[in-house]
Amino acid sequence: MAYLIKIFKVNGEATFAFPIIALIFAVRFEKSIMANHKSAEKRIRANETKRVRNRYQAKTTRTQIKKLERHYQER
C-alpha cells in the first residue's frame, strides 16, 4: 500500500502529494459507525478506506494529467 508521500516532478518542480494514510485516518475518526455485527463494522471501515484512497488517487492523477497537457501545449 502507498502510505508514503508521493513526489512528482513537473517542469523541474517537485510537487509533494498529501500522505494517503492521513486522509484515511481523518475520515475514519470523524464518522460514527452504525452496524449490528463486528464484520459489518469492519466492512464499513474497509469500504471507507478504499473510497478515500480511490478519491485521492483519482484526483492526483487528474491533476498530473492537466499539468502534463499544459506542458505540451506550451511547447
C-alpha atoms as a PDB file:
ATOM      1  CA  MET A   1       0.000   0.000   0.000  1.00  0.00           C
ATOM      2  CA  ALA A   2       1.189   3.505  -0.768  1.00  0.00           C
ATOM      3  CA  TYR A   3       1.271   5.231   2.610  1.00  0.00           C
ATOM      4  CA  LEU A   4       4.287   7.352   1.756  1.00  0.00           C
ATOM      5  CA  ILE A   5       4.387  10.871   0.439  1.00  0.00           C
ATOM      6  CA  LYS A   6       4.499  10.743  -3.334  1.00  0.00           C
ATOM      7  CA  ILE A   7       6.773  13.160  -5.171  1.00  0.00           C
ATOM      8  CA  PHE A   8       6.072  14.218  -8.738  1.00  0.00           C
ATOM      9  CA  LYS A   9       8.318  16.310 -10.959  1.00  0.00           C
ATOM     10  CA  VAL A  10       6.570  18.694 -13.312  1.00  0.00           C
ATOM     11  CA  ASN A  11       8.563  21.301 -15.218  1.00  0.00           C
ATOM     12  CA  GLY A  12      11.533  20.695 -12.939  1.00  0.00           C
ATOM     13  CA  GLU A  13       9.486  21.444  -9.792  1.00  0.00           C
ATOM     14  CA  ALA A  14       8.955  18.856  -7.079  1.00  0.00           C
ATOM     15  CA  THR A  15       5.271  18.526  -6.190  1.00  0.00           C
ATOM     16  CA  PHE A  16       4.520  16.786  -2.907  1.00  0.00           C
ATOM     17  CA  ALA A  17       1.236  14.918  -2.519  1.00  0.00           C
ATOM     18  CA  PHE A  18      -0.506  14.645   0.847  1.00  0.00           C
ATOM     19  CA  PRO A  19       0.090  11.322   2.635  1.00  0.00           C
ATOM     20  CA  ILE A  20      -2.769   8.939   1.939  1.00  0.00           C
ATOM     21  CA  ILE A  21      -2.737   7.494   5.439  1.00  0.00           C
ATOM     22  CA  ALA A  22      -3.551  10.899   6.940  1.00  0.00           C
ATOM     23  CA  LEU A  23      -6.629  11.172   4.720  1.00  0.00           C
ATOM     24  CA  ILE A  24      -7.793   7.710   5.712  1.00  0.00           C
ATOM     25  CA  PHE A  25      -7.485   8.384   9.441  1.00  0.00           C
ATOM     26  CA  ALA A  26      -9.110  11.806   9.166  1.00  0.00           C
ATOM     27  CA  VAL A  27     -12.209  10.326   7.563  1.00  0.00           C
ATOM     28  CA  ARG A  28     -12.286   7.211   9.734  1.00  0.00           C
ATOM     29  CA  PHE A  29     -12.352   9.076  13.068  1.00  0.00           C
ATOM     30  CA  GLU A  30     -14.872  11.724  12.001  1.00  0.00           C
ATOM     31  CA  LYS A  31     -17.735   9.318  11.303  1.00  0.00           C
ATOM     32  CA  SER A  32     -19.567   7.124  13.758  1.00  0.00           C
ATOM     33  CA  ILE A  33     -20.219   3.546  12.674  1.00  0.00           C
ATOM     34  CA  MET A  34     -23.771   2.185  12.907  1.00  0.00           C
ATOM     35  CA  ALA A  35     -23.513  -1.573  12.409  1.00  0.00           C
ATOM     36  CA  ASN A  36     -25.043  -4.568  14.157  1.00  0.00           C
ATOM     37  CA  HIS A  37     -22.182  -7.042  13.695  1.00  0.00           C
ATOM     38  CA  LYS A  38     -18.434  -6.858  14.072  1.00  0.00           C
ATOM     39  CA  SER A  39     -17.920  -7.997  10.479  1.00  0.00           C
ATOM     40  CA  ALA A  40     -20.261  -5.220   9.275  1.00  0.00           C
ATOM     41  CA  GLU A  41     -18.194  -2.639  11.181  1.00  0.00           C
ATOM     42  CA  LYS A  42     -15.034  -3.982   9.558  1.00  0.00           C
ATOM     43  CA  ARG A  43     -16.637  -3.874   6.090  1.00  0.00           C
ATOM     44  CA  ILE A  44     -17.706  -0.238   6.643  1.00  0.00           C
ATOM     45  CA  ARG A  45     -14.165   0.718   7.684  1.00  0.00           C
ATOM     46  CA  ALA A  46     -12.625  -1.125   4.745  1.00  0.00           C
ATOM     47  CA  ASN A  47     -15.033   0.453   2.252  1.00  0.00           C
ATOM     48  CA  GLU A  48     -14.327   3.922   3.620  1.00  0.00           C
ATOM     49  CA  THR A  49     -10.581   3.358   3.437  1.00  0.00           C
ATOM     50  CA  LYS A  50     -10.837   2.196  -0.187  1.00  0.00           C
ATOM     51  CA  ARG A  51     -13.133   5.092  -1.089  1.00  0.00           C
ATOM     52  CA  VAL A  52     -10.740   7.686   0.340  1.00  0.00           C
ATOM     53  CA  ARG A  53      -7.728   6.081  -1.352  1.00  0.00           C
ATOM     54  CA  ASN A  54      -9.524   5.918  -4.713  1.00  0.00           C
ATOM     55  CA  ARG A  55     -10.617   9.570  -4.486  1.00  0.00           C
ATOM     56  CA  TYR A  56      -7.074  10.638  -3.619  1.00  0.00           C
ATOM     57  CA  GLN A  57      -5.506   8.683  -6.478  1.00  0.00           C
ATOM     58  CA  ALA A  58      -8.126   9.841  -8.989  1.00  0.00           C
ATOM     59  CA  LYS A  59      -7.660  13.495  -8.027  1.00  0.00           C
ATOM     60  CA  THR A  60      -3.868  13.402  -8.116  1.00  0.00           C
ATOM     61  CA  THR A  61      -3.954  11.563 -11.456  1.00  0.00           C
ATOM     62  CA  ARG A  62      -6.281  14.180 -12.974  1.00  0.00           C
ATOM     63  CA  THR A  63      -4.057  16.979 -11.659  1.00  0.00           C
ATOM     64  CA  GLN A  64      -0.906  15.432 -13.119  1.00  0.00           C
ATOM     65  CA  ILE A  65      -2.611  14.862 -16.486  1.00  0.00           C
ATOM     66  CA  LYS A  66      -3.675  18.512 -16.597  1.00  0.00           C
ATOM     67  CA  LYS A  67      -0.117  19.632 -15.777  1.00  0.00           C
ATOM     68  CA  LEU A  68       1.280  17.354 -18.474  1.00  0.00           C
ATOM     69  CA  GLU A  69      -1.217  18.659 -21.059  1.00  0.00           C
ATOM     70  CA  ARG A  70      -0.331  22.266 -20.162  1.00  0.00           C
ATOM     71  CA  HIS A  71       3.362  21.424 -20.509  1.00  0.00           C
ATOM     72  CA  TYR A  72       2.899  20.053 -24.033  1.00  0.00           C
ATOM     73  CA  GLN A  73       0.636  22.946 -25.083  1.00  0.00           C
ATOM     74  CA  GLU A  74       3.352  25.439 -24.065  1.00  0.00           C
ATOM     75  CA  ARG A  75       5.951  23.703 -26.245  1.00  0.00           C
END
